[in-house]
Amino acid sequence: MSTFGFETTGEEATAAFAQHIKGRTILITGVTPGGLGLETARVIALRDPKLVILAGRSTEKLQQAEEEVKKAAPEVAVRQLVLDLGNLKAVRKAVEEVSGWSDVSSIDVVINNAGIMATPYALTSDGIESQFATNHIAHFLFTQLIMPKILASTSGARVVNLSSSGYKGGPVRFDDYNFEDGKSYDKWVSYGQSKSANVLYARGLKERYGGKGLRAYGVHPGGIWTNLGLHAKDDLRAMGFMDEAGNTVNTERLKWKTLEQGVSTTIVAAFDPSIADQNGAYLADCQIEDTPEEWMQDPEGPEKLWRLSERLVGQEFPAPA
């Protein structure tokens, strides 16, 4: 395990794992300018990957993201993918595009970075609570449908799910994921549900595809101020994590990271060879961390989530023979 920690930057991490990035194809969801996904793409692009695939909802923001990546690494190959995680039909459309790329036979690393946080109650067009739908269900469908290209990797494929210490806010509500149609909705409990799902999904991937060489991890990037927190400003002020002017405040409970520090744990999960034997693990501050909460210790949790996810996307994904 590396000696990296809280203060490690993404550039430091990719420099250490440069030989494990060179020549590989990496797909990252949620690459909005100013966010973790784009910074992740930028620091990866510095280390001579074969291809960086930028996936996001807005063509305009995808173009901005590509320009930022090219500014850091002018020679890197970049491809854009329109991916709307708020609509499962749109997810399937994006998968059709990826499947049609005859020049991309394999994808070595998938970083499921996109997400929303503490949003008001809403249902997607598929009738699923929006945080659970965007942060987990859509990523589940997307990842499962491109799994043939992931498993085609010859260099040890990995899937990294951006979770959060916010998973402690609550378990997956297997029998009431929509919070009684919103009547019992709590935005932080809902966020916790989706972030717990990110870790349980990594464990489910380990169970089904570990024998095929796939490694999967859940990651807590740390507290980083990005547009993700726009719906949480009042709560952050109330908890003492932000002042009235909107500036972040370090406390004993939360020490904020820079954007550069916020992507390093993702890089470790995606490329550190020393954690290959810790498949399904949860990482924080570049190190593997326990998840002692009762619902995270339930050995049936990953399978229950898998079955619920299959039901919500209307498709089964059995373990490979």
Protein backbone atom coordinates (compact mmCIF):
# COMPACT_ATOMS: atom_id res chain seq x y z
CA MET A 1 0.00 0.00 0.00
CA SER A 2 1.29 3.46 -0.85
CA THR A 3 2.33 6.01 1.76
CA PHE A 4 -0.05 8.53 0.24
CA GLY A 5 -2.59 10.30 2.45
CA PHE A 6 -4.84 13.31 2.95
CA GLU A 7 -2.55 15.85 1.29
CA THR A 8 -1.49 13.77 -1.72
CA THR A 9 -2.42 15.39 -5.03
CA GLY A 10 -3.65 13.70 -8.15
CA GLU A 11 -0.50 14.66 -10.03
CA GLU A 12 1.65 13.04 -7.35
CA ALA A 13 -0.44 9.88 -7.51
CA THR A 14 -0.41 9.59 -11.31
CA ALA A 15 3.34 10.23 -11.34
CA ALA A 16 3.78 7.25 -9.01
CA PHE A 17 1.57 5.01 -11.16
CA ALA A 18 2.58 6.36 -14.57
CA GLN A 19 3.65 2.94 -15.86
CA HIS A 20 0.19 1.59 -14.97
CA ILE A 21 -1.55 4.41 -16.87
CA LYS A 22 0.57 4.47 -20.01
CA GLY A 23 -1.15 2.88 -23.00
CA ARG A 24 -4.46 2.23 -21.25
CA THR A 25 -8.03 3.31 -22.04
CA ILE A 26 -9.89 5.09 -19.24
CA LEU A 27 -13.53 6.21 -19.16
CA ILE A 28 -14.67 8.84 -16.64
CA THR A 29 -18.26 9.95 -16.05
CA GLY A 30 -19.18 13.42 -14.83
CA VAL A 31 -16.46 15.68 -16.22
CA THR A 32 -17.99 19.09 -15.51
CA PRO A 33 -15.43 21.92 -15.48
CA GLY A 34 -14.38 22.66 -11.89
CA GLY A 35 -15.28 19.18 -10.68
CA LEU A 36 -13.48 16.02 -9.61
CA GLY A 37 -14.10 14.12 -12.83
CA LEU A 38 -12.35 16.63 -15.05
CA GLU A 39 -9.43 16.98 -12.64
CA THR A 40 -9.15 13.17 -12.62
CA ALA A 41 -9.06 13.16 -16.42
CA ARG A 42 -6.47 15.93 -16.48
CA VAL A 43 -3.97 14.21 -14.20
CA ILE A 44 -4.43 10.88 -15.99
CA ALA A 45 -3.86 12.57 -19.36
CA LEU A 46 -0.41 13.69 -18.18
CA ARG A 47 0.80 10.05 -18.09
CA ASP A 48 0.38 8.98 -21.73
CA PRO A 49 -2.80 6.89 -21.69
CA LYS A 50 -3.97 5.35 -24.94
CA LEU A 51 -7.37 7.08 -24.74
CA VAL A 52 -9.36 9.17 -22.26
CA ILE A 53 -13.13 8.93 -22.71
CA LEU A 54 -15.02 11.87 -21.23
CA ALA A 55 -18.66 11.06 -20.48
CA GLY A 56 -21.20 13.71 -19.55
CA ARG A 57 -24.66 15.07 -20.24
CA SER A 58 -23.85 18.39 -21.93
CA THR A 59 -22.07 18.56 -25.28
CA GLU A 60 -20.97 22.10 -24.44
CA LYS A 61 -19.40 21.04 -21.14
CA LEU A 62 -17.83 17.99 -22.78
CA GLN A 63 -16.14 20.29 -25.28
CA GLN A 64 -14.89 22.51 -22.45
CA ALA A 65 -13.62 19.43 -20.64
CA GLU A 66 -11.74 18.18 -23.69
CA GLU A 67 -10.13 21.60 -24.12
CA GLU A 68 -8.98 21.56 -20.48
CA VAL A 69 -7.50 18.08 -20.85
CA LYS A 70 -5.76 19.02 -24.11
CA LYS A 71 -4.34 22.13 -22.48
CA ALA A 72 -2.63 19.89 -19.91
CA ALA A 73 -1.62 17.17 -22.40
CA PRO A 74 -1.86 18.37 -26.02
CA GLU A 75 -0.98 14.98 -27.53
CA VAL A 76 -3.45 12.85 -25.57
CA ALA A 77 -6.26 11.09 -27.43
CA VAL A 78 -9.67 12.15 -26.12
CA ARG A 79 -13.16 10.99 -27.03
CA GLN A 80 -16.45 12.51 -25.90
CA LEU A 81 -19.52 10.49 -24.93
CA VAL A 82 -22.92 12.06 -24.27
CA LEU A 83 -24.28 10.24 -21.21
CA ASP A 84 -27.42 11.42 -19.40
CA LEU A 85 -27.63 9.50 -16.13
CA GLY A 86 -31.09 10.86 -15.38
CA ASN A 87 -32.74 8.69 -18.02
CA LEU A 88 -32.17 4.97 -18.54
CA LYS A 89 -33.15 5.15 -22.20
CA ALA A 90 -30.42 7.76 -22.69
CA VAL A 91 -27.96 5.49 -20.87
CA ARG A 92 -28.75 2.69 -23.31
CA LYS A 93 -28.24 5.09 -26.21
CA ALA A 94 -24.78 5.99 -24.89
CA VAL A 95 -23.96 2.29 -24.57
CA GLU A 96 -24.94 1.75 -28.21
CA GLU A 97 -22.40 4.40 -29.17
CA VAL A 98 -19.63 2.82 -27.09
CA SER A 99 -20.47 -0.62 -28.47
CA GLY A 100 -20.17 0.77 -31.98
CA TRP A 101 -16.63 2.05 -31.51
CA SER A 102 -14.79 -0.61 -33.49
CA ASP A 103 -11.46 1.06 -32.69
CA VAL A 104 -12.04 0.74 -28.92
CA SER A 105 -12.04 -2.99 -28.31
CA SER A 106 -11.49 -2.73 -24.57
CA ILE A 107 -11.83 -0.26 -21.69
CA ASP A 108 -9.28 -0.83 -18.94
CA VAL A 109 -10.60 1.50 -16.23
CA VAL A 110 -14.09 2.90 -15.65
CA ILE A 111 -14.39 5.70 -13.09
CA ASN A 112 -18.03 6.24 -12.15
CA ASN A 113 -17.54 9.77 -10.87
CA ALA A 114 -20.76 11.61 -11.80
CA GLY A 115 -23.28 12.32 -9.08
CA ILE A 116 -25.68 14.67 -7.35
CA MET A 117 -25.96 15.48 -3.63
CA ALA A 118 -28.69 16.51 -1.21
CA THR A 119 -31.13 17.51 -3.92
CA PRO A 120 -34.84 18.16 -3.30
CA TYR A 121 -37.12 15.17 -3.75
CA ALA A 122 -37.70 14.29 -7.37
CA LEU A 123 -38.32 11.23 -9.49
CA THR A 124 -36.56 10.55 -12.77
CA SER A 125 -38.57 9.76 -15.89
CA ASP A 126 -38.08 6.11 -14.89
CA GLY A 127 -39.87 6.69 -11.58
CA ILE A 128 -36.80 6.35 -9.37
CA GLU A 129 -35.72 8.84 -6.67
CA SER A 130 -33.19 11.06 -8.38
CA GLN A 131 -30.14 10.63 -6.12
CA PHE A 132 -30.43 6.82 -6.11
CA ALA A 133 -31.14 6.82 -9.84
CA THR A 134 -28.26 9.09 -10.86
CA ASN A 135 -25.61 8.04 -8.38
CA HIS A 136 -26.18 4.29 -8.58
CA ILE A 137 -28.87 2.84 -10.85
CA ALA A 138 -27.80 4.59 -14.06
CA HIS A 139 -24.13 3.80 -13.40
CA PHE A 140 -25.08 0.18 -12.72
CA LEU A 141 -26.84 -0.11 -16.07
CA PHE A 142 -24.10 1.70 -17.98
CA THR A 143 -21.28 -0.34 -16.44
CA GLN A 144 -23.07 -3.67 -16.89
CA LEU A 145 -23.88 -2.98 -20.53
CA ILE A 146 -20.28 -2.07 -21.39
CA MET A 147 -18.95 -4.99 -19.33
CA PRO A 148 -17.88 -6.97 -22.43
CA LYS A 149 -15.40 -4.20 -23.28
CA ILE A 150 -14.27 -3.95 -19.65
CA LEU A 151 -13.63 -7.69 -19.42
CA ALA A 152 -11.77 -7.53 -22.74
CA SER A 153 -8.99 -5.60 -21.01
CA THR A 154 -5.74 -7.51 -21.02
CA SER A 155 -4.09 -5.39 -18.33
CA GLY A 156 -6.37 -5.97 -15.34
CA ALA A 157 -9.61 -4.00 -15.59
CA ARG A 158 -10.90 -1.86 -12.74
CA VAL A 159 -14.16 -0.10 -11.91
CA VAL A 160 -14.01 2.76 -9.40
CA ASN A 161 -17.26 4.03 -7.89
CA LEU A 162 -17.13 7.49 -6.32
CA SER A 163 -18.82 7.01 -2.97
CA SER A 164 -18.47 9.27 0.08
CA SER A 165 -18.25 9.11 3.84
CA GLY A 166 -21.83 10.32 3.40
CA TYR A 167 -22.73 6.63 3.03
CA LYS A 168 -22.98 6.74 6.83
CA GLY A 169 -26.17 8.76 6.38
CA GLY A 170 -28.15 5.62 5.71
CA PRO A 171 -28.42 2.17 4.14
CA VAL A 172 -30.04 1.16 0.90
CA ARG A 173 -33.78 1.03 1.57
CA PHE A 174 -34.44 -2.12 -0.42
CA ASP A 175 -38.19 -2.03 0.22
CA ASP A 176 -38.67 1.75 0.08
CA TYR A 177 -35.97 3.36 -2.07
CA ASN A 178 -38.44 6.11 -3.06
CA PHE A 179 -39.13 7.19 0.54
CA GLU A 180 -42.89 6.53 0.52
CA ASP A 181 -43.20 8.55 -2.69
CA GLY A 182 -41.39 11.40 -0.99
CA LYS A 183 -43.46 11.55 2.19
CA SER A 184 -40.52 10.44 4.37
CA TYR A 185 -37.77 11.95 2.18
CA ASP A 186 -34.61 13.26 3.82
CA LYS A 187 -32.04 14.51 1.34
CA TRP A 188 -29.07 13.36 3.42
CA VAL A 189 -30.51 9.92 4.16
CA SER A 190 -31.18 9.62 0.43
CA TYR A 191 -27.61 10.65 -0.35
CA GLY A 192 -26.42 8.04 2.16
CA GLN A 193 -28.51 5.40 0.42
CA SER A 194 -26.92 6.17 -2.94
CA LYS A 195 -23.39 6.30 -1.54
CA SER A 196 -23.86 3.02 0.35
CA ALA A 197 -25.00 1.56 -2.97
CA ASN A 198 -21.77 2.69 -4.65
CA VAL A 199 -19.71 0.60 -2.22
CA LEU A 200 -22.06 -2.39 -2.28
CA TYR A 201 -22.01 -2.35 -6.08
CA ALA A 202 -18.20 -2.54 -6.04
CA ARG A 203 -18.51 -5.60 -3.81
CA GLY A 204 -21.11 -7.09 -6.13
CA LEU A 205 -18.75 -6.60 -9.08
CA LYS A 206 -16.03 -8.38 -7.12
CA GLU A 207 -18.33 -11.33 -6.43
CA ARG A 208 -19.43 -11.71 -10.05
CA TYR A 209 -16.36 -10.76 -12.04
CA GLY A 210 -13.37 -11.08 -9.70
CA GLY A 211 -12.66 -14.47 -11.21
CA LYS A 212 -12.45 -12.79 -14.62
CA GLY A 213 -9.76 -10.42 -13.39
CA LEU A 214 -11.95 -7.39 -12.63
CA ARG A 215 -11.16 -5.27 -9.58
CA ALA A 216 -13.72 -2.82 -8.17
CA TYR A 217 -13.51 -0.23 -5.40
CA GLY A 218 -15.59 2.39 -3.62
CA VAL A 219 -13.88 5.71 -2.93
CA HIS A 220 -14.41 8.61 -0.52
CA PRO A 221 -12.62 11.55 -2.17
CA GLY A 222 -12.84 13.79 0.91
CA GLY A 223 -14.55 17.10 1.48
CA ILE A 224 -14.01 19.22 -1.63
CA TRP A 225 -16.07 22.26 -2.54
CA THR A 226 -17.47 21.82 -6.04
CA ASN A 227 -20.81 22.48 -7.71
CA LEU A 228 -21.93 19.17 -6.20
CA GLY A 229 -22.63 21.05 -2.98
CA LEU A 230 -24.88 23.78 -4.36
CA HIS A 231 -27.98 22.27 -2.72
CA ALA A 232 -26.19 21.88 0.62
CA LYS A 233 -24.91 25.38 1.41
CA ASP A 234 -27.43 26.10 4.17
CA ASP A 235 -26.77 22.73 5.79
CA LEU A 236 -23.00 23.22 5.59
CA ARG A 237 -23.34 26.61 7.29
CA ALA A 238 -25.54 25.10 10.00
CA MET A 239 -22.94 22.39 10.64
CA GLY A 240 -20.14 24.97 10.85
CA PHE A 241 -18.39 23.79 7.68
CA MET A 242 -19.00 27.05 5.81
CA ASP A 243 -19.20 30.71 6.87
CA GLU A 244 -21.89 33.22 5.92
CA ALA A 245 -19.80 34.42 2.98
CA GLY A 246 -19.72 30.90 1.53
CA ASN A 247 -16.09 30.15 2.44
CA THR A 248 -15.23 26.65 3.64
CA VAL A 249 -14.25 26.27 7.30
CA ASN A 250 -12.07 23.45 8.65
CA THR A 251 -13.36 21.76 11.81
CA GLU A 252 -12.48 18.65 13.79
CA ARG A 253 -15.27 16.82 11.96
CA LEU A 254 -14.35 17.96 8.47
CA LYS A 255 -11.12 19.20 6.96
CA TRP A 256 -11.54 20.38 3.40
CA LYS A 257 -9.32 19.24 0.54
CA THR A 258 -8.31 21.10 -2.57
CA LEU A 259 -9.59 19.82 -5.90
CA GLU A 260 -6.06 18.55 -6.61
CA GLN A 261 -6.05 16.54 -3.37
CA GLY A 262 -9.60 15.33 -3.95
CA VAL A 263 -8.75 13.08 -6.89
CA SER A 264 -5.77 11.21 -5.47
CA THR A 265 -7.78 8.45 -3.78
CA THR A 266 -9.55 7.75 -7.07
CA ILE A 267 -6.16 7.43 -8.77
CA VAL A 268 -4.95 4.97 -6.13
CA ALA A 269 -8.10 2.87 -6.54
CA ALA A 270 -7.76 2.89 -10.32
CA PHE A 271 -4.06 2.14 -10.68
CA ASP A 272 -2.24 1.07 -7.49
CA PRO A 273 -1.07 -2.53 -8.06
CA SER A 274 -0.60 -3.11 -4.34
CA ILE A 275 -4.36 -3.14 -3.66
CA ALA A 276 -5.20 -5.77 -6.29
CA ASP A 277 -5.70 -8.34 -3.53
CA GLN A 278 -8.15 -6.03 -1.71
CA ASN A 279 -10.90 -6.35 -4.30
CA GLY A 280 -14.18 -4.68 -3.30
CA ALA A 281 -12.53 -2.40 -0.75
CA TYR A 282 -13.50 1.12 0.32
CA LEU A 283 -10.76 3.77 0.25
CA ALA A 284 -10.36 7.16 1.91
CA ASP A 285 -7.29 9.42 1.99
CA CYS A 286 -5.56 6.99 -0.40
CA GLN A 287 -5.80 4.11 2.07
CA ILE A 288 -8.17 1.18 2.53
CA GLU A 289 -10.66 1.87 5.29
CA ASP A 290 -13.18 -0.26 7.15
CA THR A 291 -16.93 0.26 6.81
CA PRO A 292 -18.14 -0.88 10.25
CA GLU A 293 -21.78 0.16 9.89
CA GLU A 294 -24.18 -2.73 10.32
CA TRP A 295 -25.68 -2.45 6.84
CA MET A 296 -22.23 -2.41 5.26
CA GLN A 297 -21.33 -5.62 7.10
CA ASP A 298 -24.40 -7.53 5.87
CA PRO A 299 -23.02 -10.30 3.62
CA GLU A 300 -26.31 -10.31 1.70
CA GLY A 301 -26.17 -6.57 0.97
CA PRO A 302 -24.37 -6.67 -2.39
CA GLU A 303 -26.66 -9.41 -3.73
CA LYS A 304 -29.82 -7.66 -2.52
CA LEU A 305 -28.68 -4.46 -4.22
CA TRP A 306 -27.87 -6.35 -7.41
CA ARG A 307 -31.35 -7.86 -7.56
CA LEU A 308 -33.04 -4.51 -6.87
CA SER A 309 -30.89 -2.81 -9.51
CA GLU A 310 -31.77 -5.47 -12.09
CA ARG A 311 -35.45 -5.00 -11.34
CA LEU A 312 -35.26 -1.22 -11.70
CA VAL A 313 -33.41 -1.33 -15.03
CA GLY A 314 -35.54 -4.20 -16.33
CA GLN A 315 -32.65 -6.47 -17.22
CA GLU A 316 -30.76 -9.29 -15.54
CA PHE A 317 -26.97 -9.57 -15.43
CA PRO A 318 -26.08 -13.06 -14.20
CA ALA A 319 -22.58 -14.03 -13.21
CA PRO A 320 -20.48 -15.17 -16.17
CA ALA A 321 -19.88 -18.87 -16.58
